[in-house]
């Protein structure tokens, strides 16, 4: 896909991560500026945990009884708690996160993380749930390509009709 233009993007207002009831599927819901939702399923469990930790909701750790080896996100969270200099340094390098593509044959989304060094933007492709966690850790904006939201909504409507 071509790089997204700003008018093709929707800003994320809020993020929720949880284990979908009954089946326990790790899920992330991104609430958008146009009041729609963008959903990602089967995200890594540690992403659900760090998103909830960042939001002050640590109940999953106790309820699920996970093997609580720490992830890189836990380490970053702890390091940032001790040093605002490190947090500010990284925050100033991350420009924004954009969920902007899908690999259809695998059924997975792709995110672009823009890093800015001396006015030069360097883009890296990441797993979207990891990119969202990075954005939440460093308080950076998250965007989604409108076309992906439209496609997901269309697919959900098809499923709702039973076709």
N, C-alpha and C. Protein backbone atom coordinates (compact mmCIF):
# COMPACT_ATOMS: atom_id res chain seq x y z
N UNK A 1 0.83 -1.18 0.00
CA UNK A 1 0.00 0.00 0.00
C UNK A 1 0.88 1.24 0.00
N UNK A 2 0.35 2.28 -0.58
CA UNK A 2 1.04 3.58 -0.59
C UNK A 2 0.97 4.21 0.80
N UNK A 3 1.95 5.06 1.13
CA UNK A 3 1.86 5.76 2.43
C UNK A 3 0.54 6.50 2.56
N UNK A 4 -0.03 6.45 3.75
CA UNK A 4 -1.33 7.08 3.99
C UNK A 4 -1.19 8.59 4.09
N UNK A 5 -2.12 9.28 3.45
CA UNK A 5 -2.21 10.73 3.61
C UNK A 5 -3.03 11.00 4.87
N UNK A 6 -2.79 12.14 5.49
CA UNK A 6 -3.47 12.45 6.75
C UNK A 6 -4.99 12.36 6.65
N UNK A 7 -5.57 12.76 5.52
CA UNK A 7 -7.03 12.73 5.38
C UNK A 7 -7.56 11.30 5.25
N UNK A 8 -6.67 10.33 5.02
CA UNK A 8 -7.07 8.92 4.93
C UNK A 8 -7.01 8.23 6.29
N UNK A 9 -6.64 8.97 7.33
CA UNK A 9 -6.41 8.38 8.64
C UNK A 9 -7.48 8.78 9.64
N UNK A 10 -7.76 7.87 10.55
CA UNK A 10 -8.66 8.14 11.67
C UNK A 10 -7.84 8.04 12.95
N UNK A 11 -8.02 9.00 13.83
CA UNK A 11 -7.27 9.01 15.09
C UNK A 11 -7.96 8.11 16.11
N UNK A 12 -7.15 7.41 16.87
CA UNK A 12 -7.65 6.56 17.95
C UNK A 12 -7.80 7.42 19.20
N UNK A 13 -8.99 7.36 19.82
CA UNK A 13 -9.27 8.12 21.03
C UNK A 13 -9.00 7.31 22.29
N UNK A 14 -9.25 6.00 22.22
CA UNK A 14 -9.18 5.16 23.40
C UNK A 14 -8.84 3.73 22.98
N UNK A 15 -8.16 3.02 23.86
CA UNK A 15 -7.79 1.63 23.59
C UNK A 15 -8.25 0.76 24.76
N UNK A 16 -8.86 -0.37 24.45
CA UNK A 16 -9.19 -1.38 25.46
C UNK A 16 -8.55 -2.69 25.03
N UNK A 17 -8.06 -3.44 25.99
CA UNK A 17 -7.52 -4.77 25.72
C UNK A 17 -8.07 -5.70 26.79
N UNK A 18 -8.52 -6.87 26.36
CA UNK A 18 -9.16 -7.79 27.30
C UNK A 18 -9.17 -9.19 26.70
N UNK A 19 -9.58 -10.14 27.52
CA UNK A 19 -9.75 -11.50 27.06
C UNK A 19 -11.24 -11.69 26.78
N UNK A 20 -11.56 -11.93 25.52
CA UNK A 20 -12.95 -12.03 25.08
C UNK A 20 -13.66 -13.08 25.92
N UNK A 21 -14.83 -12.73 26.47
CA UNK A 21 -15.54 -13.65 27.36
C UNK A 21 -15.80 -15.02 26.74
N UNK A 22 -15.80 -16.01 27.57
CA UNK A 22 -16.07 -17.41 27.27
C UNK A 22 -14.92 -18.10 26.54
N UNK A 23 -14.41 -17.51 25.51
CA UNK A 23 -13.34 -18.17 24.74
C UNK A 23 -11.95 -17.69 25.16
N UNK A 24 -11.87 -16.60 25.87
CA UNK A 24 -10.59 -16.11 26.35
C UNK A 24 -9.65 -15.61 25.27
N UNK A 25 -10.19 -15.14 24.17
CA UNK A 25 -9.37 -14.67 23.05
C UNK A 25 -8.81 -13.29 23.39
N UNK A 26 -7.48 -13.13 23.40
CA UNK A 26 -6.91 -11.81 23.65
C UNK A 26 -7.33 -10.84 22.55
N UNK A 27 -7.95 -9.74 22.95
CA UNK A 27 -8.59 -8.82 22.02
C UNK A 27 -8.20 -7.38 22.34
N UNK A 28 -8.09 -6.58 21.28
CA UNK A 28 -7.84 -5.14 21.44
C UNK A 28 -8.90 -4.40 20.63
N UNK A 29 -9.53 -3.42 21.26
CA UNK A 29 -10.51 -2.58 20.56
C UNK A 29 -9.99 -1.15 20.58
N UNK A 30 -9.93 -0.55 19.41
CA UNK A 30 -9.49 0.84 19.27
C UNK A 30 -10.72 1.67 18.95
N UNK A 31 -11.01 2.66 19.78
CA UNK A 31 -12.16 3.53 19.61
C UNK A 31 -11.71 4.76 18.83
N UNK A 32 -12.40 5.04 17.73
CA UNK A 32 -11.95 6.04 16.78
C UNK A 32 -12.68 7.36 16.90
N UNK A 33 -12.07 8.39 16.32
CA UNK A 33 -12.63 9.74 16.38
C UNK A 33 -13.99 9.85 15.71
N UNK A 34 -14.31 8.94 14.80
CA UNK A 34 -15.62 8.99 14.13
C UNK A 34 -16.63 8.06 14.82
N UNK A 35 -16.33 7.68 16.06
CA UNK A 35 -17.18 6.85 16.92
C UNK A 35 -17.33 5.41 16.44
N UNK A 36 -16.45 4.97 15.54
CA UNK A 36 -16.44 3.56 15.17
C UNK A 36 -15.37 2.85 15.99
N UNK A 37 -15.34 1.53 15.84
CA UNK A 37 -14.37 0.71 16.55
C UNK A 37 -13.57 -0.12 15.55
N UNK A 38 -12.32 -0.35 15.88
CA UNK A 38 -11.46 -1.23 15.09
C UNK A 38 -10.98 -2.32 16.03
N UNK A 39 -11.19 -3.58 15.65
CA UNK A 39 -10.90 -4.69 16.53
C UNK A 39 -9.75 -5.54 16.00
N UNK A 40 -8.94 -6.01 16.95
CA UNK A 40 -7.88 -6.96 16.61
C UNK A 40 -7.97 -8.11 17.60
N UNK A 41 -7.99 -9.33 17.06
CA UNK A 41 -8.13 -10.53 17.89
C UNK A 41 -6.82 -11.32 17.88
N UNK A 42 -6.69 -12.19 18.87
CA UNK A 42 -5.52 -13.07 19.00
C UNK A 42 -4.22 -12.28 19.14
N UNK A 43 -4.30 -11.17 19.86
CA UNK A 43 -3.09 -10.40 20.13
C UNK A 43 -2.32 -11.13 21.24
N UNK A 44 -1.03 -10.87 21.39
CA UNK A 44 -0.28 -11.53 22.46
C UNK A 44 -0.84 -11.19 23.85
N UNK A 45 -0.87 -12.18 24.72
CA UNK A 45 -1.40 -11.99 26.07
C UNK A 45 -0.66 -10.89 26.82
N UNK A 46 0.66 -10.80 26.62
CA UNK A 46 1.42 -9.78 27.36
C UNK A 46 1.02 -8.37 26.95
N UNK A 47 0.48 -8.22 25.74
CA UNK A 47 0.01 -6.90 25.31
C UNK A 47 -1.26 -6.54 26.08
N UNK A 48 -2.16 -7.50 26.25
CA UNK A 48 -3.37 -7.25 27.05
C UNK A 48 -2.95 -6.81 28.46
N UNK A 49 -1.97 -7.50 29.01
CA UNK A 49 -1.54 -7.20 30.38
C UNK A 49 -0.91 -5.82 30.49
N UNK A 50 -0.03 -5.44 29.55
CA UNK A 50 0.63 -4.14 29.68
C UNK A 50 -0.35 -3.00 29.41
N UNK A 51 -1.28 -3.18 28.47
CA UNK A 51 -2.27 -2.13 28.22
C UNK A 51 -3.09 -1.89 29.48
N UNK A 52 -3.50 -2.96 30.13
CA UNK A 52 -4.27 -2.82 31.36
C UNK A 52 -3.43 -2.24 32.49
N UNK A 53 -2.18 -2.62 32.57
CA UNK A 53 -1.27 -2.06 33.58
C UNK A 53 -1.13 -0.55 33.37
N UNK A 54 -0.96 -0.13 32.13
CA UNK A 54 -0.84 1.29 31.81
C UNK A 54 -2.11 2.06 32.18
N UNK A 55 -3.25 1.39 32.12
CA UNK A 55 -4.52 2.02 32.42
C UNK A 55 -4.93 1.81 33.88
N UNK A 56 -4.02 1.25 34.67
CA UNK A 56 -4.30 1.05 36.09
C UNK A 56 -5.23 -0.11 36.39
N UNK A 57 -5.41 -1.01 35.42
CA UNK A 57 -6.28 -2.18 35.60
C UNK A 57 -5.41 -3.44 35.60
N UNK A 58 -4.98 -3.87 36.75
CA UNK A 58 -4.09 -5.02 36.83
C UNK A 58 -4.81 -6.31 37.22
N UNK A 59 -6.14 -6.34 37.12
CA UNK A 59 -6.89 -7.49 37.60
C UNK A 59 -6.57 -8.78 36.85
N UNK A 60 -6.16 -8.71 35.58
CA UNK A 60 -5.90 -9.92 34.81
C UNK A 60 -4.75 -10.73 35.38
N UNK A 61 -3.77 -10.07 35.94
CA UNK A 61 -2.62 -10.79 36.49
C UNK A 61 -3.07 -11.73 37.60
N UNK A 62 -3.96 -11.28 38.48
CA UNK A 62 -4.41 -12.11 39.57
C UNK A 62 -5.41 -13.16 39.10
N UNK A 63 -6.33 -12.77 38.25
CA UNK A 63 -7.41 -13.67 37.84
C UNK A 63 -6.89 -14.84 37.01
N UNK A 64 -5.98 -14.57 36.09
CA UNK A 64 -5.55 -15.61 35.17
C UNK A 64 -4.41 -16.47 35.70
N UNK A 65 -3.72 -16.01 36.73
CA UNK A 65 -2.63 -16.80 37.29
C UNK A 65 -1.55 -17.10 36.27
N UNK A 66 -1.24 -16.17 35.42
CA UNK A 66 -0.23 -16.36 34.38
C UNK A 66 1.14 -16.61 34.94
N UNK A 67 1.94 -17.25 34.14
CA UNK A 67 3.38 -17.26 34.35
C UNK A 67 3.78 -15.80 34.18
N UNK A 68 4.19 -15.14 35.22
CA UNK A 68 4.43 -13.70 35.16
C UNK A 68 5.89 -13.34 34.91
N UNK A 69 6.52 -14.08 33.99
CA UNK A 69 7.81 -13.58 33.53
C UNK A 69 7.50 -12.26 32.86
N UNK A 70 8.37 -11.31 33.02
CA UNK A 70 8.08 -9.99 32.48
C UNK A 70 8.43 -9.91 31.00
N UNK A 71 7.66 -9.11 30.29
CA UNK A 71 7.92 -8.87 28.87
C UNK A 71 8.76 -7.60 28.75
N UNK A 72 9.20 -7.32 27.55
CA UNK A 72 9.96 -6.09 27.31
C UNK A 72 9.12 -4.86 27.68
N UNK A 73 7.81 -4.96 27.54
CA UNK A 73 6.93 -3.84 27.88
C UNK A 73 6.92 -3.58 29.38
N UNK A 74 6.96 -4.66 30.18
CA UNK A 74 7.04 -4.49 31.64
C UNK A 74 8.34 -3.79 32.02
N UNK A 75 9.43 -4.19 31.37
CA UNK A 75 10.72 -3.58 31.65
C UNK A 75 10.70 -2.09 31.28
N UNK A 76 10.18 -1.77 30.10
CA UNK A 76 10.08 -0.36 29.69
C UNK A 76 9.22 0.43 30.67
N UNK A 77 8.11 -0.15 31.08
CA UNK A 77 7.22 0.50 32.04
C UNK A 77 7.97 0.83 33.34
N UNK A 78 8.72 -0.14 33.84
CA UNK A 78 9.47 0.06 35.08
C UNK A 78 10.57 1.10 34.91
N UNK A 79 11.31 1.00 33.81
CA UNK A 79 12.40 1.95 33.56
C UNK A 79 11.85 3.37 33.48
N UNK A 80 10.72 3.54 32.78
CA UNK A 80 10.13 4.87 32.63
C UNK A 80 9.61 5.40 33.97
N UNK A 81 9.22 4.50 34.85
CA UNK A 81 8.76 4.93 36.17
C UNK A 81 9.89 5.56 36.98
N UNK A 82 11.10 5.11 36.71
CA UNK A 82 12.27 5.61 37.44
C UNK A 82 12.93 6.79 36.77
N UNK A 83 12.72 6.96 35.45
CA UNK A 83 13.45 8.02 34.74
C UNK A 83 12.57 8.70 33.70
N UNK A 84 12.16 9.92 33.99
CA UNK A 84 11.39 10.68 33.00
C UNK A 84 12.29 11.10 31.84
N UNK A 85 13.59 11.18 32.07
CA UNK A 85 14.51 11.53 30.98
C UNK A 85 14.49 10.49 29.87
N UNK A 86 14.48 9.21 30.27
CA UNK A 86 14.44 8.14 29.27
C UNK A 86 13.11 8.20 28.53
N UNK A 87 12.02 8.35 29.27
CA UNK A 87 10.71 8.41 28.64
C UNK A 87 10.64 9.57 27.66
N UNK A 88 11.08 10.74 28.07
CA UNK A 88 11.05 11.91 27.18
C UNK A 88 11.93 11.72 25.96
N UNK A 89 13.10 11.11 26.14
CA UNK A 89 14.00 10.89 25.02
C UNK A 89 13.36 9.99 23.96
N UNK A 90 12.75 8.89 24.42
CA UNK A 90 12.11 7.97 23.47
C UNK A 90 10.86 8.61 22.88
N UNK A 91 10.08 9.28 23.71
CA UNK A 91 8.86 9.95 23.24
C UNK A 91 9.18 10.94 22.12
N UNK A 92 10.28 11.65 22.24
CA UNK A 92 10.65 12.64 21.23
C UNK A 92 11.10 12.02 19.92
N UNK A 93 11.42 10.73 19.93
CA UNK A 93 11.87 10.05 18.71
C UNK A 93 10.70 9.38 17.99
N UNK A 94 9.69 8.93 18.74
CA UNK A 94 8.53 8.28 18.11
C UNK A 94 7.56 9.37 17.68
N UNK A 95 7.31 9.44 16.39
CA UNK A 95 6.42 10.47 15.85
C UNK A 95 4.96 10.07 15.99
N UNK A 96 4.60 8.92 15.41
CA UNK A 96 3.23 8.43 15.48
C UNK A 96 3.18 6.98 15.03
N UNK A 97 2.06 6.34 15.32
CA UNK A 97 1.80 4.96 14.96
C UNK A 97 0.61 4.97 14.00
N UNK A 98 0.73 4.20 12.90
CA UNK A 98 -0.38 4.10 11.94
C UNK A 98 -0.61 2.63 11.60
N UNK A 99 -1.79 2.14 11.89
CA UNK A 99 -2.17 0.80 11.40
C UNK A 99 -2.65 1.04 9.98
N UNK A 100 -1.86 0.57 9.02
CA UNK A 100 -2.08 1.05 7.65
C UNK A 100 -2.12 -0.02 6.57
N UNK A 101 -2.00 -1.30 6.95
CA UNK A 101 -1.99 -2.32 5.90
C UNK A 101 -2.49 -3.62 6.47
N UNK A 102 -2.76 -4.55 5.58
CA UNK A 102 -3.17 -5.90 5.97
C UNK A 102 -2.45 -6.88 5.05
N UNK A 103 -2.00 -7.98 5.61
CA UNK A 103 -1.45 -9.06 4.80
C UNK A 103 -2.58 -10.08 4.69
N UNK A 104 -3.29 -10.01 3.60
CA UNK A 104 -4.53 -10.78 3.46
C UNK A 104 -4.33 -12.29 3.53
N UNK A 105 -3.24 -12.79 2.93
CA UNK A 105 -3.05 -14.24 2.94
C UNK A 105 -2.81 -14.80 4.34
N UNK A 106 -2.40 -13.96 5.27
CA UNK A 106 -2.21 -14.39 6.66
C UNK A 106 -3.28 -13.84 7.59
N UNK A 107 -4.08 -12.91 7.11
CA UNK A 107 -5.14 -12.33 7.92
C UNK A 107 -4.62 -11.50 9.08
N UNK A 108 -3.52 -10.77 8.84
CA UNK A 108 -2.94 -9.94 9.90
C UNK A 108 -2.76 -8.50 9.41
N UNK A 109 -2.88 -7.58 10.35
CA UNK A 109 -2.67 -6.16 10.05
C UNK A 109 -1.20 -5.81 10.23
N UNK A 110 -0.82 -4.67 9.68
CA UNK A 110 0.54 -4.16 9.77
C UNK A 110 0.47 -2.71 10.25
N UNK A 111 1.39 -2.34 11.13
CA UNK A 111 1.47 -0.95 11.59
C UNK A 111 2.80 -0.36 11.17
N UNK A 112 2.78 0.93 10.91
CA UNK A 112 3.99 1.67 10.63
C UNK A 112 4.27 2.57 11.83
N UNK A 113 5.47 2.46 12.34
CA UNK A 113 5.90 3.36 13.41
C UNK A 113 6.86 4.36 12.77
N UNK A 114 6.53 5.63 12.92
CA UNK A 114 7.39 6.69 12.39
C UNK A 114 8.33 7.17 13.49
N UNK A 115 9.62 7.04 13.23
CA UNK A 115 10.64 7.57 14.13
C UNK A 115 11.20 8.82 13.49
N UNK A 116 11.39 9.86 14.29
CA UNK A 116 11.88 11.13 13.75
C UNK A 116 13.22 11.47 14.38
N UNK A 117 14.24 11.58 13.52
CA UNK A 117 15.59 11.93 13.95
C UNK A 117 16.02 13.17 13.19
N UNK A 118 16.21 14.27 13.90
CA UNK A 118 16.65 15.53 13.28
C UNK A 118 15.82 15.89 12.05
N UNK A 119 14.49 15.72 12.16
CA UNK A 119 13.59 16.09 11.08
C UNK A 119 13.43 15.03 10.01
N UNK A 120 14.17 13.94 10.09
CA UNK A 120 14.07 12.85 9.10
C UNK A 120 13.19 11.76 9.68
N UNK A 121 12.20 11.33 8.91
CA UNK A 121 11.28 10.27 9.34
C UNK A 121 11.79 8.93 8.82
N UNK A 122 11.94 7.98 9.74
CA UNK A 122 12.30 6.61 9.39
C UNK A 122 11.11 5.74 9.79
N UNK A 123 10.62 4.95 8.86
CA UNK A 123 9.46 4.10 9.12
C UNK A 123 9.89 2.65 9.33
N UNK A 124 9.26 2.03 10.34
CA UNK A 124 9.47 0.62 10.63
C UNK A 124 8.11 -0.05 10.69
N UNK A 125 8.02 -1.25 10.13
CA UNK A 125 6.79 -2.03 10.16
C UNK A 125 6.78 -2.90 11.42
N UNK A 126 5.69 -2.83 12.17
CA UNK A 126 5.55 -3.58 13.41
C UNK A 126 4.23 -4.34 13.45
N UNK A 127 4.18 -5.27 14.38
CA UNK A 127 2.92 -5.94 14.72
C UNK A 127 2.04 -4.87 15.35
N UNK A 128 0.81 -4.68 14.87
CA UNK A 128 -0.02 -3.56 15.35
C UNK A 128 -0.23 -3.50 16.86
N UNK A 129 -0.49 -4.63 17.50
CA UNK A 129 -0.72 -4.58 18.95
C UNK A 129 0.54 -4.13 19.68
N UNK A 130 1.71 -4.50 19.17
CA UNK A 130 2.97 -4.05 19.77
C UNK A 130 3.15 -2.56 19.56
N UNK A 131 2.81 -2.10 18.36
CA UNK A 131 2.92 -0.66 18.06
C UNK A 131 1.98 0.15 18.95
N UNK A 132 0.78 -0.35 19.17
CA UNK A 132 -0.18 0.35 20.03
C UNK A 132 0.35 0.40 21.46
N UNK A 133 0.91 -0.71 21.95
CA UNK A 133 1.48 -0.71 23.29
C UNK A 133 2.62 0.31 23.39
N UNK A 134 3.43 0.39 22.35
CA UNK A 134 4.52 1.37 22.31
C UNK A 134 3.96 2.79 22.38
N UNK A 135 2.92 3.04 21.61
CA UNK A 135 2.29 4.37 21.61
C UNK A 135 1.72 4.71 22.98
N UNK A 136 1.10 3.74 23.63
CA UNK A 136 0.54 3.99 24.96
C UNK A 136 1.64 4.21 26.00
N UNK A 137 2.71 3.44 25.89
CA UNK A 137 3.83 3.61 26.82
C UNK A 137 4.43 5.01 26.74
N UNK A 138 4.50 5.55 25.53
CA UNK A 138 5.18 6.83 25.33
C UNK A 138 4.24 7.96 24.95
N UNK A 139 2.94 7.73 25.12
CA UNK A 139 1.94 8.78 24.90
C UNK A 139 2.08 9.41 23.51
N UNK A 140 2.06 8.56 22.50
CA UNK A 140 2.16 9.01 21.11
C UNK A 140 0.83 8.74 20.41
N UNK A 141 0.51 9.51 19.38
CA UNK A 141 -0.77 9.34 18.69
C UNK A 141 -0.82 8.05 17.86
N UNK A 142 -2.02 7.49 17.80
CA UNK A 142 -2.28 6.27 17.03
C UNK A 142 -3.33 6.60 15.98
N UNK A 143 -3.09 6.14 14.77
CA UNK A 143 -4.02 6.33 13.66
C UNK A 143 -4.27 5.00 12.98
N UNK A 144 -5.42 4.93 12.29
CA UNK A 144 -5.75 3.76 11.47
C UNK A 144 -6.19 4.27 10.11
N UNK A 145 -5.73 3.57 9.08
CA UNK A 145 -6.16 3.91 7.73
C UNK A 145 -7.66 3.66 7.61
N UNK A 146 -8.39 4.68 7.21
CA UNK A 146 -9.85 4.62 7.10
C UNK A 146 -10.32 3.42 6.28
N UNK A 147 -9.59 3.10 5.24
CA UNK A 147 -9.96 1.99 4.35
C UNK A 147 -10.01 0.66 5.13
N UNK A 148 -9.10 0.46 6.05
CA UNK A 148 -9.09 -0.77 6.84
C UNK A 148 -10.30 -0.85 7.76
N UNK A 149 -10.67 0.28 8.34
CA UNK A 149 -11.84 0.33 9.21
C UNK A 149 -13.10 0.05 8.38
N UNK A 150 -13.19 0.66 7.21
CA UNK A 150 -14.34 0.43 6.33
C UNK A 150 -14.45 -1.04 5.94
N UNK A 151 -13.31 -1.66 5.59
CA UNK A 151 -13.30 -3.07 5.20
C UNK A 151 -13.72 -3.97 6.35
N UNK A 152 -13.21 -3.68 7.55
CA UNK A 152 -13.57 -4.50 8.71
C UNK A 152 -15.07 -4.38 9.00
N UNK A 153 -15.57 -3.17 8.93
CA UNK A 153 -17.00 -2.93 9.17
C UNK A 153 -17.86 -3.67 8.14
N UNK A 154 -17.45 -3.62 6.88
CA UNK A 154 -18.17 -4.31 5.81
C UNK A 154 -18.17 -5.82 6.05
N UNK A 155 -17.04 -6.35 6.46
CA UNK A 155 -16.92 -7.79 6.75
C UNK A 155 -17.80 -8.19 7.93
N UNK A 156 -17.83 -7.38 8.97
CA UNK A 156 -18.68 -7.65 10.13
C UNK A 156 -20.16 -7.62 9.74
N UNK A 157 -20.54 -6.68 8.87
CA UNK A 157 -21.93 -6.61 8.43
C UNK A 157 -22.32 -7.84 7.62
N UNK A 158 -21.39 -8.35 6.81
CA UNK A 158 -21.64 -9.57 6.04
C UNK A 158 -21.87 -10.74 6.97
N UNK A 159 -21.01 -10.86 7.99
CA UNK A 159 -21.14 -11.94 8.97
C UNK A 159 -22.46 -11.85 9.72
N UNK A 160 -22.88 -10.64 10.02
CA UNK A 160 -24.15 -10.42 10.74
C UNK A 160 -25.35 -10.82 9.90
N UNK A 161 -25.21 -10.76 8.59
CA UNK A 161 -26.30 -11.14 7.69
C UNK A 161 -26.30 -12.64 7.43
N UNK A 162 -25.25 -13.34 7.90
CA UNK A 162 -25.20 -14.78 7.70
C UNK A 162 -24.71 -15.20 6.33
N UNK A 163 -24.03 -14.29 5.61
CA UNK A 163 -23.50 -14.67 4.28
C UNK A 163 -22.03 -14.85 4.32
